[in-house]
């Protein structure tokens, strides 16, 4: 997969994301540095973008919504996401396919 830094963590994985709120639609928009770039339709108000991010990633990764949480960056565009029960290989594969479809 590209350069997204997916790391094993106890019971799951973590990886950095860079969020752009108030986009036209929710989508994986590429990679910036070691972070996955994600555009979200939700505004950055009262946690709406954070909730939308977790729901979007859960859908993309085939995980339960409750399995995807923010570890850091609740009020920043730069965040660290944790996915409980996922493996680094699974996340890299899914994100790699999403990035490949977008680029190709």
C-alpha atoms as a PDB file:
ATOM      1  CA  UNK A   1       0.000   0.000   0.000  1.00  0.00           C
ATOM      2  CA  UNK A   2       1.096   3.581  -0.092  1.00  0.00           C
ATOM      3  CA  UNK A   3       2.846   5.369   2.746  1.00  0.00           C
ATOM      4  CA  UNK A   4       0.088   5.344   5.392  1.00  0.00           C
ATOM      5  CA  UNK A   5       1.669   4.416   8.709  1.00  0.00           C
ATOM      6  CA  UNK A   6      -0.530   1.553   9.984  1.00  0.00           C
ATOM      7  CA  UNK A   7       0.790   0.274  13.313  1.00  0.00           C
ATOM      8  CA  UNK A   8      -0.172  -2.706  15.432  1.00  0.00           C
ATOM      9  CA  UNK A   9      -1.631  -1.750  18.807  1.00  0.00           C
ATOM     10  CA  UNK A  10      -2.969  -3.910  21.639  1.00  0.00           C
ATOM     11  CA  UNK A  11      -6.112  -5.545  20.256  1.00  0.00           C
ATOM     12  CA  UNK A  12      -6.044  -3.702  16.938  1.00  0.00           C
ATOM     13  CA  UNK A  13      -4.242  -1.069  14.871  1.00  0.00           C
ATOM     14  CA  UNK A  14      -3.729   2.683  14.784  1.00  0.00           C
ATOM     15  CA  UNK A  15      -3.041   4.999  11.866  1.00  0.00           C
ATOM     16  CA  UNK A  16      -2.955   8.762  11.242  1.00  0.00           C
ATOM     17  CA  UNK A  17      -5.579  10.572   9.185  1.00  0.00           C
ATOM     18  CA  UNK A  18      -5.855  14.124   7.868  1.00  0.00           C
ATOM     19  CA  UNK A  19      -9.498  15.229   7.691  1.00  0.00           C
ATOM     20  CA  UNK A  20     -11.059  17.843   5.430  1.00  0.00           C
ATOM     21  CA  UNK A  21     -14.560  18.640   6.736  1.00  0.00           C
ATOM     22  CA  UNK A  22     -17.424  20.185   4.745  1.00  0.00           C
ATOM     23  CA  UNK A  23     -16.482  18.342   1.559  1.00  0.00           C
ATOM     24  CA  UNK A  24     -18.988  17.474  -1.158  1.00  0.00           C
ATOM     25  CA  UNK A  25     -19.041  13.814  -0.061  1.00  0.00           C
ATOM     26  CA  UNK A  26     -17.244  11.339   2.190  1.00  0.00           C
ATOM     27  CA  UNK A  27     -14.235   9.842   0.432  1.00  0.00           C
ATOM     28  CA  UNK A  28     -10.678   8.665   0.792  1.00  0.00           C
ATOM     29  CA  UNK A  29      -8.722  11.398  -0.968  1.00  0.00           C
ATOM     30  CA  UNK A  30      -5.182  10.029  -0.965  1.00  0.00           C
ATOM     31  CA  UNK A  31      -2.161  10.166   1.303  1.00  0.00           C
ATOM     32  CA  UNK A  32      -0.398  13.159   2.840  1.00  0.00           C
ATOM     33  CA  UNK A  33       2.925  12.269   4.421  1.00  0.00           C
ATOM     34  CA  UNK A  34       2.158   9.154   6.475  1.00  0.00           C
ATOM     35  CA  UNK A  35      -1.513  10.074   6.979  1.00  0.00           C
ATOM     36  CA  UNK A  36      -4.580   8.932   5.085  1.00  0.00           C
ATOM     37  CA  UNK A  37      -6.434  11.949   3.652  1.00  0.00           C
ATOM     38  CA  UNK A  38     -10.191  11.758   4.123  1.00  0.00           C
ATOM     39  CA  UNK A  39     -12.825  14.227   2.971  1.00  0.00           C
ATOM     40  CA  UNK A  40     -16.025  14.353   5.021  1.00  0.00           C
ATOM     41  CA  UNK A  41     -19.329  16.042   4.274  1.00  0.00           C
ATOM     42  CA  UNK A  42     -19.898  16.717   7.986  1.00  0.00           C
ATOM     43  CA  UNK A  43     -18.945  20.082   9.503  1.00  0.00           C
ATOM     44  CA  UNK A  44     -16.352  20.280  12.300  1.00  0.00           C
ATOM     45  CA  UNK A  45     -19.034  21.262  14.819  1.00  0.00           C
ATOM     46  CA  UNK A  46     -19.865  19.477  18.087  1.00  0.00           C
ATOM     47  CA  UNK A  47     -17.952  16.355  17.077  1.00  0.00           C
ATOM     48  CA  UNK A  48     -19.977  15.762  13.899  1.00  0.00           C
ATOM     49  CA  UNK A  49     -16.871  15.306  11.737  1.00  0.00           C
ATOM     50  CA  UNK A  50     -15.309  12.928  14.279  1.00  0.00           C
ATOM     51  CA  UNK A  51     -18.455  10.802  14.351  1.00  0.00           C
ATOM     52  CA  UNK A  52     -18.660  10.821  10.551  1.00  0.00           C
ATOM     53  CA  UNK A  53     -14.977   9.829  10.323  1.00  0.00           C
ATOM     54  CA  UNK A  54     -15.410   6.823  12.618  1.00  0.00           C
ATOM     55  CA  UNK A  55     -18.573   5.695  10.818  1.00  0.00           C
ATOM     56  CA  UNK A  56     -16.982   6.118   7.382  1.00  0.00           C
ATOM     57  CA  UNK A  57     -13.848   4.176   8.334  1.00  0.00           C
ATOM     58  CA  UNK A  58     -15.912   1.416   9.974  1.00  0.00           C
ATOM     59  CA  UNK A  59     -17.868   1.037   6.743  1.00  0.00           C
ATOM     60  CA  UNK A  60     -14.722   1.028   4.594  1.00  0.00           C
ATOM     61  CA  UNK A  61     -12.926  -1.501   6.816  1.00  0.00           C
ATOM     62  CA  UNK A  62     -15.911  -3.755   7.467  1.00  0.00           C
ATOM     63  CA  UNK A  63     -15.701  -3.102  11.204  1.00  0.00           C
ATOM     64  CA  UNK A  64     -18.339  -2.310  13.807  1.00  0.00           C
ATOM     65  CA  UNK A  65     -18.861   1.424  14.380  1.00  0.00           C
ATOM     66  CA  UNK A  66     -17.915   0.968  18.029  1.00  0.00           C
ATOM     67  CA  UNK A  67     -14.573  -0.595  17.006  1.00  0.00           C
ATOM     68  CA  UNK A  68     -13.332   2.648  15.420  1.00  0.00           C
ATOM     69  CA  UNK A  69     -12.289   5.400  17.833  1.00  0.00           C
ATOM     70  CA  UNK A  70     -10.072   8.457  17.932  1.00  0.00           C
ATOM     71  CA  UNK A  71      -6.901   8.152  19.973  1.00  0.00           C
ATOM     72  CA  UNK A  72      -5.705  11.712  19.356  1.00  0.00           C
ATOM     73  CA  UNK A  73      -6.694  14.895  17.548  1.00  0.00           C
ATOM     74  CA  UNK A  74     -10.328  15.312  18.572  1.00  0.00           C
ATOM     75  CA  UNK A  75     -10.197  19.046  17.751  1.00  0.00           C
ATOM     76  CA  UNK A  76      -7.558  18.913  15.002  1.00  0.00           C
ATOM     77  CA  UNK A  77      -7.568  18.017  11.321  1.00  0.00           C
ATOM     78  CA  UNK A  78      -4.714  15.629  12.108  1.00  0.00           C
ATOM     79  CA  UNK A  79      -6.029  12.629  14.013  1.00  0.00           C
ATOM     80  CA  UNK A  80      -4.978   9.152  15.056  1.00  0.00           C
ATOM     81  CA  UNK A  81      -7.605   6.441  14.594  1.00  0.00           C
ATOM     82  CA  UNK A  82      -7.730   3.097  16.401  1.00  0.00           C
ATOM     83  CA  UNK A  83      -9.539   0.076  14.959  1.00  0.00           C
ATOM     84  CA  UNK A  84     -10.154  -2.657  17.531  1.00  0.00           C
ATOM     85  CA  UNK A  85     -10.001  -6.222  16.274  1.00  0.00           C
ATOM     86  CA  UNK A  86      -8.340  -5.324  12.975  1.00  0.00           C
ATOM     87  CA  UNK A  87      -4.919  -6.390  11.754  1.00  0.00           C
ATOM     88  CA  UNK A  88      -2.411  -4.098  10.090  1.00  0.00           C
ATOM     89  CA  UNK A  89      -2.393  -6.340   7.000  1.00  0.00           C
ATOM     90  CA  UNK A  90      -6.192  -6.134   6.650  1.00  0.00           C
ATOM     91  CA  UNK A  91      -6.211  -2.334   7.008  1.00  0.00           C
ATOM     92  CA  UNK A  92      -3.332  -1.911   4.545  1.00  0.00           C
ATOM     93  CA  UNK A  93      -5.089  -4.165   2.029  1.00  0.00           C
ATOM     94  CA  UNK A  94      -8.455  -2.383   2.278  1.00  0.00           C
ATOM     95  CA  UNK A  95      -6.966   1.104   2.178  1.00  0.00           C
ATOM     96  CA  UNK A  96      -4.623   0.120  -0.632  1.00  0.00           C
ATOM     97  CA  UNK A  97      -7.570  -1.069  -2.724  1.00  0.00           C
ATOM     98  CA  UNK A  98      -9.492   2.143  -1.964  1.00  0.00           C
ATOM     99  CA  UNK A  99      -6.517   4.267  -2.962  1.00  0.00           C
ATOM    100  CA  UNK A 100      -5.867   2.155  -6.061  1.00  0.00           C
ATOM    101  CA  UNK A 101      -9.471   2.489  -7.229  1.00  0.00           C
ATOM    102  CA  UNK A 102      -9.331   6.229  -6.714  1.00  0.00           C
ATOM    103  CA  UNK A 103      -6.004   6.649  -8.501  1.00  0.00           C
ATOM    104  CA  UNK A 104      -6.774   4.260 -11.347  1.00  0.00           C
END
